PDB file of N, CA and C in Angstrom:
ATOM      1  N   MET A   1       0.824  -1.193   0.000  1.00  0.00           N
ATOM      2  CA  MET A   1       0.000   0.000   0.000  1.00  0.00           C
ATOM      3  C   MET A   1       0.869   1.257   0.000  1.00  0.00           C
ATOM      4  N   VAL A   2       1.973   1.240   0.760  1.00  0.00           N
ATOM      5  CA  VAL A   2       2.859   2.404   0.806  1.00  0.00           C
ATOM      6  C   VAL A   2       3.414   2.698  -0.574  1.00  0.00           C
ATOM      7  N   CYS A   3       3.808   1.650  -1.303  1.00  0.00           N
ATOM      8  CA  CYS A   3       4.341   1.838  -2.648  1.00  0.00           C
ATOM      9  C   CYS A   3       3.304   2.498  -3.543  1.00  0.00           C
ATOM     10  N   PHE A   4       2.049   2.069  -3.442  1.00  0.00           N
ATOM     11  CA  PHE A   4       0.994   2.637  -4.280  1.00  0.00           C
ATOM     12  C   PHE A   4       0.812   4.122  -3.990  1.00  0.00           C
ATOM     13  N   ILE A   5       0.873   4.505  -2.727  1.00  0.00           N
ATOM     14  CA  ILE A   5       0.725   5.917  -2.356  1.00  0.00           C
ATOM     15  C   ILE A   5       1.895   6.726  -2.909  1.00  0.00           C
ATOM     16  N   GLN A   6       3.123   6.197  -2.810  1.00  0.00           N
ATOM     17  CA  GLN A   6       4.282   6.881  -3.376  1.00  0.00           C
ATOM     18  C   GLN A   6       4.161   6.992  -4.897  1.00  0.00           C
ATOM     19  N   CYS A   7       3.676   5.949  -5.536  1.00  0.00           N
ATOM     20  CA  CYS A   7       3.528   5.952  -6.990  1.00  0.00           C
ATOM     21  C   CYS A   7       2.527   7.001  -7.441  1.00  0.00           C
ATOM     22  N   GLU A   8       1.450   7.177  -6.689  1.00  0.00           N
ATOM     23  CA  GLU A   8       0.427   8.150  -7.069  1.00  0.00           C
ATOM     24  C   GLU A   8       0.968   9.573  -7.115  1.00  0.00           C
ATOM     25  N   THR A   9       1.981   9.874  -6.310  1.00  0.00           N
ATOM     26  CA  THR A   9       2.538  11.222  -6.324  1.00  0.00           C
ATOM     27  C   THR A   9       3.331  11.491  -7.604  1.00  0.00           C
ATOM     28  N   ILE A  10       3.934  10.459  -8.175  1.00  0.00           N
ATOM     29  CA  ILE A  10       4.716  10.621  -9.406  1.00  0.00           C
ATOM     30  C   ILE A  10       3.867  10.322 -10.640  1.00  0.00           C
ATOM     31  N   PHE A  11       3.027   9.296 -10.549  1.00  0.00           N
ATOM     32  CA  PHE A  11       2.193   8.864 -11.674  1.00  0.00           C
ATOM     33  C   PHE A  11       0.724   9.044 -11.304  1.00  0.00           C
ATOM     34  N   PRO A  12       0.092  10.120 -11.740  1.00  0.00           N
ATOM     35  CA  PRO A  12      -1.278  10.394 -11.309  1.00  0.00           C
ATOM     36  C   PRO A  12      -2.307   9.353 -11.746  1.00  0.00           C
ATOM     37  N   ASN A  13      -2.076   8.633 -12.819  1.00  0.00           N
ATOM     38  CA  ASN A  13      -3.057   7.677 -13.331  1.00  0.00           C
ATOM     39  C   ASN A  13      -2.645   6.226 -13.131  1.00  0.00           C
ATOM     40  N   ILE A  14      -1.929   5.928 -12.053  1.00  0.00           N
ATOM     41  CA  ILE A  14      -1.500   4.553 -11.812  1.00  0.00           C
ATOM     42  C   ILE A  14      -2.594   3.810 -11.038  1.00  0.00           C
ATOM     43  N   TYR A  15      -2.718   2.535 -11.334  1.00  0.00           N
ATOM     44  CA  TYR A  15      -3.693   1.684 -10.656  1.00  0.00           C
ATOM     45  C   TYR A  15      -2.951   0.547  -9.970  1.00  0.00           C
ATOM     46  N   SER A  16      -3.608  -0.094  -9.039  1.00  0.00           N
ATOM     47  CA  SER A  16      -2.967  -1.183  -8.298  1.00  0.00           C
ATOM     48  C   SER A  16      -2.556  -2.325  -9.221  1.00  0.00           C
ATOM     49  N   SER A  17      -3.193  -2.462 -10.379  1.00  0.00           N
ATOM     50  CA  SER A  17      -2.825  -3.525 -11.321  1.00  0.00           C
ATOM     51  C   SER A  17      -1.440  -3.298 -11.943  1.00  0.00           C
ATOM     52  N   HIS A  18      -0.915  -2.073 -11.830  1.00  0.00           N
ATOM     53  CA  HIS A  18       0.407  -1.762 -12.368  1.00  0.00           C
ATOM     54  C   HIS A  18       1.521  -2.070 -11.371  1.00  0.00           C
ATOM     55  N   ILE A  19       1.149  -2.558 -10.199  1.00  0.00           N
ATOM     56  CA  ILE A  19       2.110  -2.857  -9.142  1.00  0.00           C
ATOM     57  C   ILE A  19       2.123  -4.370  -8.924  1.00  0.00           C
ATOM     58  N   LYS A  20       3.307  -4.961  -8.945  1.00  0.00           N
ATOM     59  CA  LYS A  20       3.454  -6.397  -8.705  1.00  0.00           C
ATOM     60  C   LYS A  20       4.244  -6.590  -7.424  1.00  0.00           C
ATOM     61  N   SER A  21       3.624  -7.097  -6.405  1.00  0.00           N
ATOM     62  CA  SER A  21       4.301  -7.363  -5.122  1.00  0.00           C
ATOM     63  C   SER A  21       5.092  -6.148  -4.646  1.00  0.00           C
ATOM     64  N   GLU A  22       4.464  -4.995  -4.634  1.00  0.00           N
ATOM     65  CA  GLU A  22       5.066  -3.734  -4.198  1.00  0.00           C
ATOM     66  C   GLU A  22       6.069  -3.159  -5.199  1.00  0.00           C
ATOM     67  N   ASP A  23       6.340  -3.835  -6.325  1.00  0.00           N
ATOM     68  CA  ASP A  23       7.245  -3.340  -7.356  1.00  0.00           C
ATOM     69  C   ASP A  23       6.438  -2.732  -8.502  1.00  0.00           C
ATOM     70  N   ILE A  24       7.016  -1.760  -9.197  1.00  0.00           N
ATOM     71  CA  ILE A  24       6.344  -1.091 -10.297  1.00  0.00           C
ATOM     72  C   ILE A  24       6.667  -1.811 -11.600  1.00  0.00           C
ATOM     73  N   SER A  25       5.666  -2.077 -12.389  1.00  0.00           N
ATOM     74  CA  SER A  25       5.834  -2.765 -13.654  1.00  0.00           C
ATOM     75  C   SER A  25       6.557  -1.875 -14.672  1.00  0.00           C
ATOM     76  N   ILE A  26       7.591  -2.412 -15.310  1.00  0.00           N
ATOM     77  CA  ILE A  26       8.324  -1.681 -16.349  1.00  0.00           C
ATOM     78  C   ILE A  26       7.406  -1.398 -17.538  1.00  0.00           C
ATOM     79  N   SER A  27       6.514  -2.329 -17.834  1.00  0.00           N
ATOM     80  CA  SER A  27       5.591  -2.113 -18.958  1.00  0.00           C
ATOM     81  C   SER A  27       4.686  -0.916 -18.681  1.00  0.00           C
ATOM     82  N   TYR A  28       4.316  -0.688 -17.417  1.00  0.00           N
ATOM     83  CA  TYR A  28       3.519   0.500 -17.090  1.00  0.00           C
ATOM     84  C   TYR A  28       4.335   1.766 -17.343  1.00  0.00           C
ATOM     85  N   LEU A  29       5.597   1.777 -16.941  1.00  0.00           N
ATOM     86  CA  LEU A  29       6.439   2.951 -17.175  1.00  0.00           C
ATOM     87  C   LEU A  29       6.576   3.228 -18.666  1.00  0.00           C
ATOM     88  N   ARG A  30       6.750   2.176 -19.455  1.00  0.00           N
ATOM     89  CA  ARG A  30       6.860   2.340 -20.908  1.00  0.00           C
ATOM     90  C   ARG A  30       5.580   2.962 -21.468  1.00  0.00           C
ATOM     91  N   MET A  31       4.425   2.478 -21.005  1.00  0.00           N
ATOM     92  CA  MET A  31       3.153   3.017 -21.463  1.00  0.00           C
ATOM     93  C   MET A  31       2.968   4.460 -20.988  1.00  0.00           C
ATOM     94  N   TYR A  32       3.324   4.732 -19.743  1.00  0.00           N
ATOM     95  CA  TYR A  32       3.158   6.067 -19.173  1.00  0.00           C
ATOM     96  C   TYR A  32       3.942   7.110 -19.966  1.00  0.00           C
ATOM     97  N   LEU A  33       5.110   6.744 -20.435  1.00  0.00           N
ATOM     98  CA  LEU A  33       5.945   7.691 -21.175  1.00  0.00           C
ATOM     99  C   LEU A  33       5.369   8.043 -22.544  1.00  0.00           C
ATOM    100  N   THR A  34       4.386   7.296 -23.009  1.00  0.00           N
ATOM    101  CA  THR A  34       3.766   7.606 -24.300  1.00  0.00           C
ATOM    102  C   THR A  34       2.509   8.456 -24.163  1.00  0.00           C
ATOM    103  N   ILE A  35       2.026   8.685 -22.941  1.00  0.00           N
ATOM    104  CA  ILE A  35       0.800   9.456 -22.717  1.00  0.00           C
ATOM    105  C   ILE A  35       1.179  10.916 -22.496  1.00  0.00           C
ATOM    106  N   THR A  36       1.063  11.717 -23.523  1.00  0.00           N
ATOM    107  CA  THR A  36       1.498  13.110 -23.438  1.00  0.00           C
ATOM    108  C   THR A  36       0.551  13.980 -22.625  1.00  0.00           C
ATOM    109  N   ALA A  37      -0.665  13.532 -22.378  1.00  0.00           N
ATOM    110  CA  ALA A  37      -1.618  14.341 -21.612  1.00  0.00           C
ATOM    111  C   ALA A  37      -1.159  14.540 -20.167  1.00  0.00           C
ATOM    112  N   ASP A  38      -0.334  13.629 -19.651  1.00  0.00           N
ATOM    113  CA  ASP A  38       0.141  13.729 -18.267  1.00  0.00           C
ATOM    114  C   ASP A  38       1.405  14.573 -18.125  1.00  0.00           C
ATOM    115  N   TRP A  39       1.939  15.094 -19.198  1.00  0.00           N
ATOM    116  CA  TRP A  39       3.183  15.854 -19.162  1.00  0.00           C
ATOM    117  C   TRP A  39       2.904  17.313 -18.834  1.00  0.00           C
ATOM    118  N   GLU A  40       3.000  17.649 -17.568  1.00  0.00           N
ATOM    119  CA  GLU A  40       2.773  19.032 -17.147  1.00  0.00           C
ATOM    120  C   GLU A  40       4.019  19.887 -17.326  1.00  0.00           C
ATOM    121  N   ASP A  41       5.182  19.322 -17.022  1.00  0.00           N
ATOM    122  CA  ASP A  41       6.444  20.038 -17.141  1.00  0.00           C
ATOM    123  C   ASP A  41       7.565  19.013 -17.330  1.00  0.00           C
ATOM    124  N   ASP A  42       8.791  19.490 -17.370  1.00  0.00           N
ATOM    125  CA  ASP A  42       9.931  18.601 -17.596  1.00  0.00           C
ATOM    126  C   ASP A  42      10.089  17.543 -16.507  1.00  0.00           C
ATOM    127  N   ILE A  43       9.769  17.898 -15.276  1.00  0.00           N
ATOM    128  CA  ILE A  43       9.926  16.953 -14.165  1.00  0.00           C
ATOM    129  C   ILE A  43       8.960  15.784 -14.306  1.00  0.00           C
ATOM    130  N   THR A  44       7.746  16.033 -14.790  1.00  0.00           N
ATOM    131  CA  THR A  44       6.793  14.932 -14.946  1.00  0.00           C
ATOM    132  C   THR A  44       7.232  13.956 -16.028  1.00  0.00           C
ATOM    133  N   ILE A  45       8.132  14.375 -16.895  1.00  0.00           N
ATOM    134  CA  ILE A  45       8.708  13.479 -17.897  1.00  0.00           C
ATOM    135  C   ILE A  45       9.995  12.852 -17.359  1.00  0.00           C
ATOM    136  N   ALA A  46      10.805  13.646 -16.682  1.00  0.00           N
ATOM    137  CA  ALA A  46      12.122  13.180 -16.222  1.00  0.00           C
ATOM    138  C   ALA A  46      12.016  12.039 -15.212  1.00  0.00           C
ATOM    139  N   ARG A  47      11.156  12.174 -14.218  1.00  0.00           N
ATOM    140  CA  ARG A  47      11.067  11.129 -13.182  1.00  0.00           C
ATOM    141  C   ARG A  47      10.685   9.766 -13.758  1.00  0.00           C
ATOM    142  N   PRO A  48       9.597   9.670 -14.541  1.00  0.00           N
ATOM    143  CA  PRO A  48       9.273   8.356 -15.104  1.00  0.00           C
ATOM    144  C   PRO A  48      10.344   7.841 -16.057  1.00  0.00           C
ATOM    145  N   PHE A  49      10.968   8.736 -16.827  1.00  0.00           N
ATOM    146  CA  PHE A  49      12.011   8.300 -17.750  1.00  0.00           C
ATOM    147  C   PHE A  49      13.211   7.739 -16.991  1.00  0.00           C
ATOM    148  N   ILE A  50      13.633   8.422 -15.938  1.00  0.00           N
ATOM    149  CA  ILE A  50      14.766   7.937 -15.142  1.00  0.00           C
ATOM    150  C   ILE A  50      14.417   6.600 -14.484  1.00  0.00           C
ATOM    151  N   LEU A  51      13.206   6.485 -13.943  1.00  0.00           N
ATOM    152  CA  LEU A  51      12.783   5.211 -13.350  1.00  0.00           C
ATOM    153  C   LEU A  51      12.761   4.094 -14.394  1.00  0.00           C
ATOM    154  N   PHE A  52      12.279   4.416 -15.590  1.00  0.00           N
ATOM    155  CA  PHE A  52      12.259   3.427 -16.670  1.00  0.00           C
ATOM    156  C   PHE A  52      13.680   2.978 -17.001  1.00  0.00           C
ATOM    157  N   MET A  53      14.597   3.918 -17.130  1.00  0.00           N
ATOM    158  CA  MET A  53      15.987   3.573 -17.442  1.00  0.00           C
ATOM    159  C   MET A  53      16.616   2.756 -16.312  1.00  0.00           C
ATOM    160  N   MET A  54      16.278   3.099 -15.080  1.00  0.00           N
ATOM    161  CA  MET A  54      16.816   2.343 -13.945  1.00  0.00           C
ATOM    162  C   MET A  54      16.323   0.893 -13.980  1.00  0.00           C
ATOM    163  N   GLY A  55      15.034   0.725 -14.217  1.00  0.00           N
ATOM    164  CA  GLY A  55      14.464  -0.613 -14.184  1.00  0.00           C
ATOM    165  C   GLY A  55      14.709  -1.427 -15.434  1.00  0.00           C
ATOM    166  N   HIS A  56      14.743  -0.776 -16.580  1.00  0.00           N
ATOM    167  CA  HIS A  56      14.880  -1.496 -17.838  1.00  0.00           C
ATOM    168  C   HIS A  56      16.330  -1.708 -18.247  1.00  0.00           C
ATOM    169  N   LEU A  57      17.211  -0.817 -17.834  1.00  0.00           N
ATOM    170  CA  LEU A  57      18.595  -0.878 -18.305  1.00  0.00           C
ATOM    171  C   LEU A  57      19.598  -1.104 -17.168  1.00  0.00           C
ATOM    172  N   LEU A  58      19.552  -0.279 -16.150  1.00  0.00           N
ATOM    173  CA  LEU A  58      20.603  -0.303 -15.134  1.00  0.00           C
ATOM    174  C   LEU A  58      20.407  -1.368 -14.054  1.00  0.00           C
ATOM    175  N   PHE A  59      19.193  -1.506 -13.540  1.00  0.00           N
ATOM    176  CA  PHE A  59      18.936  -2.427 -12.426  1.00  0.00           C
ATOM    177  C   PHE A  59      17.863  -3.428 -12.822  1.00  0.00           C
ATOM    178  N   GLN A  60      18.125  -4.231 -13.826  1.00  0.00           N
ATOM    179  CA  GLN A  60      17.148  -5.187 -14.333  1.00  0.00           C
ATOM    180  C   GLN A  60      16.850  -6.256 -13.290  1.00  0.00           C
ATOM    181  N   THR A  61      15.595  -6.671 -13.271  1.00  0.00           N
ATOM    182  CA  THR A  61      15.177  -7.788 -12.432  1.00  0.00           C
ATOM    183  C   THR A  61      14.532  -8.843 -13.312  1.00  0.00           C
ATOM    184  N   ALA A  62      14.447 -10.052 -12.800  1.00  0.00           N
ATOM    185  CA  ALA A  62      13.873 -11.148 -13.580  1.00  0.00           C
ATOM    186  C   ALA A  62      12.381 -10.950 -13.840  1.00  0.00           C
ATOM    187  N   ASN A  63      11.697 -10.243 -12.947  1.00  0.00           N
ATOM    188  CA  ASN A  63      10.252 -10.076 -13.122  1.00  0.00           C
ATOM    189  C   ASN A  63       9.881  -8.765 -13.803  1.00  0.00           C
ATOM    190  N   ASP A  64      10.839  -8.079 -14.409  1.00  0.00           N
ATOM    191  CA  ASP A  64      10.606  -6.873 -15.209  1.00  0.00           C
ATOM    192  C   ASP A  64       9.866  -5.783 -14.421  1.00  0.00           C
ATOM    193  N   THR A  65      10.371  -5.526 -13.227  1.00  0.00           N
ATOM    194  CA  THR A  65       9.802  -4.481 -12.376  1.00  0.00           C
ATOM    195  C   THR A  65      10.921  -3.623 -11.811  1.00  0.00           C
ATOM    196  N   ILE A  66      10.545  -2.520 -11.211  1.00  0.00           N
ATOM    197  CA  ILE A  66      11.519  -1.680 -10.519  1.00  0.00           C
ATOM    198  C   ILE A  66      11.139  -1.627  -9.047  1.00  0.00           C
ATOM    199  N   LEU A  67      12.133  -1.704  -8.202  1.00  0.00           N
ATOM    200  CA  LEU A  67      11.900  -1.730  -6.761  1.00  0.00           C
ATOM    201  C   LEU A  67      11.379  -0.378  -6.279  1.00  0.00           C
ATOM    202  N   PRO A  68      10.472  -0.377  -5.308  1.00  0.00           N
ATOM    203  CA  PRO A  68       9.882   0.884  -4.835  1.00  0.00           C
ATOM    204  C   PRO A  68      10.879   1.803  -4.140  1.00  0.00           C
ATOM    205  N   GLY A  69      12.007   1.295  -3.705  1.00  0.00           N
ATOM    206  CA  GLY A  69      13.017   2.133  -3.068  1.00  0.00           C
ATOM    207  C   GLY A  69      13.536   3.229  -3.985  1.00  0.00           C
ATOM    208  N   TYR A  70      13.505   2.970  -5.294  1.00  0.00           N
ATOM    209  CA  TYR A  70      13.967   3.979  -6.240  1.00  0.00           C
ATOM    210  C   TYR A  70      12.985   5.141  -6.360  1.00  0.00           C
ATOM    211  N   LEU A  71      11.740   4.930  -5.963  1.00  0.00           N
ATOM    212  CA  LEU A  71      10.772   6.033  -5.953  1.00  0.00           C
ATOM    213  C   LEU A  71      11.211   7.132  -5.009  1.00  0.00           C
ATOM    214  N   ALA A  72      11.755   6.743  -3.873  1.00  0.00           N
ATOM    215  CA  ALA A  72      12.230   7.729  -2.897  1.00  0.00           C
ATOM    216  C   ALA A  72      13.333   8.592  -3.497  1.00  0.00           C
ATOM    217  N   ALA A  73      14.200   7.984  -4.278  1.00  0.00           N
ATOM    218  CA  ALA A  73      15.285   8.747  -4.914  1.00  0.00           C
ATOM    219  C   ALA A  73      14.733   9.736  -5.932  1.00  0.00           C
ATOM    220  N   MET A  74      13.630   9.393  -6.568  1.00  0.00           N
ATOM    221  CA  MET A  74      13.066  10.260  -7.597  1.00  0.00           C
ATOM    222  C   MET A  74      12.206  11.386  -7.027  1.00  0.00           C
ATOM    223  N   SER A  75      11.886  11.325  -5.745  1.00  0.00           N
ATOM    224  CA  SER A  75      11.059  12.387  -5.168  1.00  0.00           C
ATOM    225  C   SER A  75      11.816  13.711  -5.104  1.00  0.00           C
ATOM    226  N   ASP A  76      13.135  13.656  -4.953  1.00  0.00           N
ATOM    227  CA  ASP A  76      13.957  14.868  -4.933  1.00  0.00           C
ATOM    228  C   ASP A  76      15.136  14.651  -5.879  1.00  0.00           C
ATOM    229  N   LEU A  77      15.003  15.119  -7.105  1.00  0.00           N
ATOM    230  CA  LEU A  77      16.041  14.883  -8.117  1.00  0.00           C
ATOM    231  C   LEU A  77      17.350  15.597  -7.797  1.00  0.00           C
ATOM    232  N   ASP A  78      17.278  16.742  -7.111  1.00  0.00           N
ATOM    233  CA  ASP A  78      18.517  17.440  -6.725  1.00  0.00           C
ATOM    234  C   ASP A  78      19.321  16.593  -5.745  1.00  0.00           C
ATOM    235  N   GLU A  79      18.636  15.964  -4.805  1.00  0.00           N
ATOM    236  CA  GLU A  79      19.314  15.097  -3.848  1.00  0.00           C
ATOM    237  C   GLU A  79      19.818  13.828  -4.528  1.00  0.00           C
ATOM    238  N   ALA A  80      19.025  13.281  -5.448  1.00  0.00           N
ATOM    239  CA  ALA A  80      19.424  12.064  -6.159  1.00  0.00           C
ATOM    240  C   ALA A  80      20.685  12.286  -6.985  1.00  0.00           C
ATOM    241  N   ALA A  81      20.896  13.501  -7.447  1.00  0.00           N
ATOM    242  CA  ALA A  81      22.099  13.806  -8.230  1.00  0.00           C
ATOM    243  C   ALA A  81      23.359  13.690  -7.381  1.00  0.00           C
ATOM    244  N   GLN A  82      23.227  13.742  -6.068  1.00  0.00           N
ATOM    245  CA  GLN A  82      24.373  13.648  -5.167  1.00  0.00           C
ATOM    246  C   GLN A  82      24.736  12.202  -4.823  1.00  0.00           C
ATOM    247  N   TYR A  83      23.860  11.233  -5.161  1.00  0.00           N
ATOM    248  CA  TYR A  83      24.113   9.826  -4.838  1.00  0.00           C
ATOM    249  C   TYR A  83      25.250   9.282  -5.690  1.00  0.00           C
ATOM    250  N   ASP A  84      25.919   8.270  -5.190  1.00  0.00           N
ATOM    251  CA  ASP A  84      26.982   7.599  -5.927  1.00  0.00           C
ATOM    252  C   ASP A  84      26.355   6.459  -6.742  1.00  0.00           C
ATOM    253  N   TRP A  85      25.785   6.795  -7.888  1.00  0.00           N
ATOM    254  CA  TRP A  85      25.094   5.816  -8.709  1.00  0.00           C
ATOM    255  C   TRP A  85      26.064   4.829  -9.350  1.00  0.00           C
ATOM    256  N   GLY A  86      27.303   5.233  -9.589  1.00  0.00           N
ATOM    257  CA  GLY A  86      28.286   4.328 -10.191  1.00  0.00           C
ATOM    258  C   GLY A  86      28.538   3.112  -9.321  1.00  0.00           C
ATOM    259  N   SER A  87      28.698   3.330  -8.026  1.00  0.00           N
ATOM    260  CA  SER A  87      28.910   2.207  -7.109  1.00  0.00           C
ATOM    261  C   SER A  87      27.679   1.320  -7.026  1.00  0.00           C
ATOM    262  N   THR A  88      26.524   1.936  -7.073  1.00  0.00           N
ATOM    263  CA  THR A  88      25.278   1.177  -7.023  1.00  0.00           C
ATOM    264  C   THR A  88      25.139   0.295  -8.256  1.00  0.00           C
ATOM    265  N   ILE A  89      25.456   0.843  -9.417  1.00  0.00           N
ATOM    266  CA  ILE A  89      25.378   0.072 -10.659  1.00  0.00           C
ATOM    267  C   ILE A  89      26.408  -1.050 -10.647  1.00  0.00           C
ATOM    268  N   LEU A  90      27.619  -0.764 -10.175  1.00  0.00           N
ATOM    269  CA  LEU A  90      28.661  -1.791 -10.101  1.00  0.00           C
ATOM    270  C   LEU A  90      28.239  -2.918  -9.155  1.00  0.00           C
ATOM    271  N   ALA A  91      27.700  -2.583  -8.002  1.00  0.00           N
ATOM    272  CA  ALA A  91      27.237  -3.606  -7.056  1.00  0.00           C
ATOM    273  C   ALA A  91      26.127  -4.442  -7.680  1.00  0.00           C
ATOM    274  N   SER A  92      25.236  -3.801  -8.409  1.00  0.00           N
ATOM    275  CA  SER A  92      24.157  -4.525  -9.081  1.00  0.00           C
ATOM    276  C   SER A  92      24.709  -5.477 -10.134  1.00  0.00           C
ATOM    277  N   MET A  93      25.719  -5.029 -10.860  1.00  0.00           N
ATOM    278  CA  MET A  93      26.339  -5.885 -11.877  1.00  0.00           C
ATOM    279  C   MET A  93      27.008  -7.096 -11.240  1.00  0.00           C
ATOM    280  N   TYR A  94      27.727  -6.889 -10.148  1.00  0.00           N
ATOM    281  CA  TYR A  94      28.357  -8.011  -9.452  1.00  0.00           C
ATOM    282  C   TYR A  94      27.307  -8.982  -8.922  1.00  0.00           C
ATOM    283  N   HIS A  95      26.218  -8.456  -8.411  1.00  0.00           N
ATOM    284  CA  HIS A  95      25.141  -9.315  -7.923  1.00  0.00           C
ATOM    285  C   HIS A  95      24.558 -10.131  -9.084  1.00  0.00           C
ATOM    286  N   GLY A  96      24.353  -9.480 -10.237  1.00  0.00           N
ATOM    287  CA  GLY A  96      23.846 -10.185 -11.406  1.00  0.00           C
ATOM    288  C   GLY A  96      24.789 -11.285 -11.868  1.00  0.00           C
ATOM    289  N   LEU A  97      26.087 -11.010 -11.839  1.00  0.00           N
ATOM    290  CA  LEU A  97      27.076 -12.037 -12.206  1.00  0.00           C
ATOM    291  C   LEU A  97      27.060 -13.197 -11.223  1.00  0.00           C
ATOM    292  N   ASP A  98      27.006 -12.878  -9.942  1.00  0.00           N
ATOM    293  CA  ASP A  98      26.978 -13.918  -8.920  1.00  0.00           C
ATOM    294  C   ASP A  98      25.738 -14.802  -9.077  1.00  0.00           C
ATOM    295  N   THR A  99      24.619 -14.174  -9.305  1.00  0.00           N
ATOM    296  CA  THR A  99      23.378 -14.929  -9.485  1.00  0.00           C
ATOM    297  C   THR A  99      23.452 -15.803 -10.731  1.00  0.00           C
ATOM    298  N   ALA A 100      24.004 -15.276 -11.812  1.00  0.00           N
ATOM    299  CA  ALA A 100      24.125 -16.052 -13.048  1.00  0.00           C
ATOM    300  C   ALA A 100      25.033 -17.260 -12.862  1.00  0.00           C
ATOM    301  N   VAL A 101      26.118 -17.088 -12.124  1.00  0.00           N
ATOM    302  CA  VAL A 101      27.060 -18.185 -11.909  1.00  0.00           C
ATOM    303  C   VAL A 101      26.467 -19.241 -10.983  1.00  0.00           C
ATOM    304  N   THR A 102      25.840 -18.806  -9.903  1.00  0.00           N
ATOM    305  CA  THR A 102      25.324 -19.774  -8.923  1.00  0.00           C
ATOM    306  C   THR A 102      24.067 -20.488  -9.394  1.00  0.00           C
ATOM    307  N   THR A 103      23.280 -19.846 -10.248  1.00  0.00           N
ATOM    308  CA  THR A 103      22.041 -20.482 -10.724  1.00  0.00           C
ATOM    309  C   THR A 103      22.146 -20.969 -12.159  1.00  0.00           C
ATOM    310  N   ARG A 104      23.295 -20.686 -12.795  1.00  0.00           N
ATOM    311  CA  ARG A 104      23.501 -21.021 -14.207  1.00  0.00           C
ATOM    312  C   ARG A 104      22.416 -20.385 -15.084  1.00  0.00           C
ATOM    313  N   GLY A 105      22.037 -19.182 -14.709  1.00  0.00           N
ATOM    314  CA  GLY A 105      21.018 -18.434 -15.452  1.00  0.00           C
ATOM    315  C   GLY A 105      21.653 -17.314 -16.251  1.00  0.00           C
ATOM    316  N   ALA A 106      20.819 -16.397 -16.675  1.00  0.00           N
ATOM    317  CA  ALA A 106      21.272 -15.260 -17.477  1.00  0.00           C
ATOM    318  C   ALA A 106      21.800 -14.151 -16.572  1.00  0.00           C
ATOM    319  N   ILE A 107      22.708 -13.369 -17.113  1.00  0.00           N
ATOM    320  CA  ILE A 107      23.235 -12.214 -16.388  1.00  0.00           C
ATOM    321  C   ILE A 107      22.191 -11.109 -16.434  1.00  0.00           C
ATOM    322  N   THR A 108      21.871 -10.549 -15.271  1.00  0.00           N
ATOM    323  CA  THR A 108      20.976  -9.400 -15.224  1.00  0.00           C
ATOM    324  C   THR A 108      21.810  -8.166 -14.918  1.00  0.00           C
ATOM    325  N   GLY A 109      21.247  -7.014 -15.173  1.00  0.00           N
ATOM    326  CA  GLY A 109      21.966  -5.775 -14.928  1.00  0.00           C
ATOM    327  C   GLY A 109      22.489  -5.199 -16.230  1.00  0.00           C
ATOM    328  N   PHE A 110      23.231  -4.153 -16.128  1.00  0.00           N
ATOM    329  CA  PHE A 110      23.730  -3.428 -17.284  1.00  0.00           C
ATOM    330  C   PHE A 110      25.015  -4.090 -17.775  1.00  0.00           C
ATOM    331  N   SER A 111      24.860  -5.241 -18.381  1.00  0.00           N
ATOM    332  CA  SER A 111      26.019  -6.054 -18.776  1.00  0.00           C
ATOM    333  C   SER A 111      26.853  -5.405 -19.880  1.00  0.00           C
ATOM    334  N   GLN A 112      26.312  -4.398 -20.568  1.00  0.00           N
ATOM    335  CA  GLN A 112      27.079  -3.720 -21.611  1.00  0.00           C
ATOM    336  C   GLN A 112      28.342  -3.077 -21.043  1.00  0.00           C
ATOM    337  N   LEU A 113      28.331  -2.762 -19.754  1.00  0.00           N
ATOM    338  CA  LEU A 113      29.525  -2.170 -19.134  1.00  0.00           C
ATOM    339  C   LEU A 113      30.666  -3.163 -19.020  1.00  0.00           C
ATOM    340  N   PHE A 114      30.377  -4.462 -19.150  1.00  0.00           N
ATOM    341  CA  PHE A 114      31.431  -5.473 -19.094  1.00  0.00           C
ATOM    342  C   PHE A 114      32.195  -5.584 -20.404  1.00  0.00           C
ATOM    343  N   GLU A 115      31.662  -5.043 -21.483  1.00  0.00           N
ATOM    344  CA  GLU A 115      32.306  -5.141 -22.775  1.00  0.00           C
ATOM    345  C   GLU A 115      33.598  -4.336 -22.797  1.00  0.00           C
ATOM    346  N   VAL A 116      34.614  -4.913 -23.377  1.00  0.00           N
ATOM    347  CA  VAL A 116      35.914  -4.245 -23.472  1.00  0.00           C
ATOM    348  C   VAL A 116      36.138  -3.839 -24.925  1.00  0.00           C
ATOM    349  N   HIS A 117      36.551  -2.611 -25.112  1.00  0.00           N
ATOM    350  CA  HIS A 117      36.812  -2.124 -26.472  1.00  0.00           C
ATOM    351  C   HIS A 117      38.279  -1.818 -26.630  1.00  0.00           C
TER     352      HIS A 117
END
């Protein structure tokens, strides 16, 4: 319920069906970004876009959702700019590698950063 209340502040037209076990559906974020009627200003576009990028690219999960903890970071974008996102992404990548090795599954996370040029 707390996640739904937090989501309503960022996404005015969100319904409980867009939330899976307290996580926000990536497909909902993708759909939300195409509805121009909800775009009041740059911030109403930036927050969902950043959340979409976090969930779809940087912090991928097996169930295609984004954790509600990232909503707190998006409530104040000036404060979020001060976070050490590089370390967070690196930790997520290591976790994805560990999970892939121990379960013999696919690597999750932003694996493109592992590519060497």
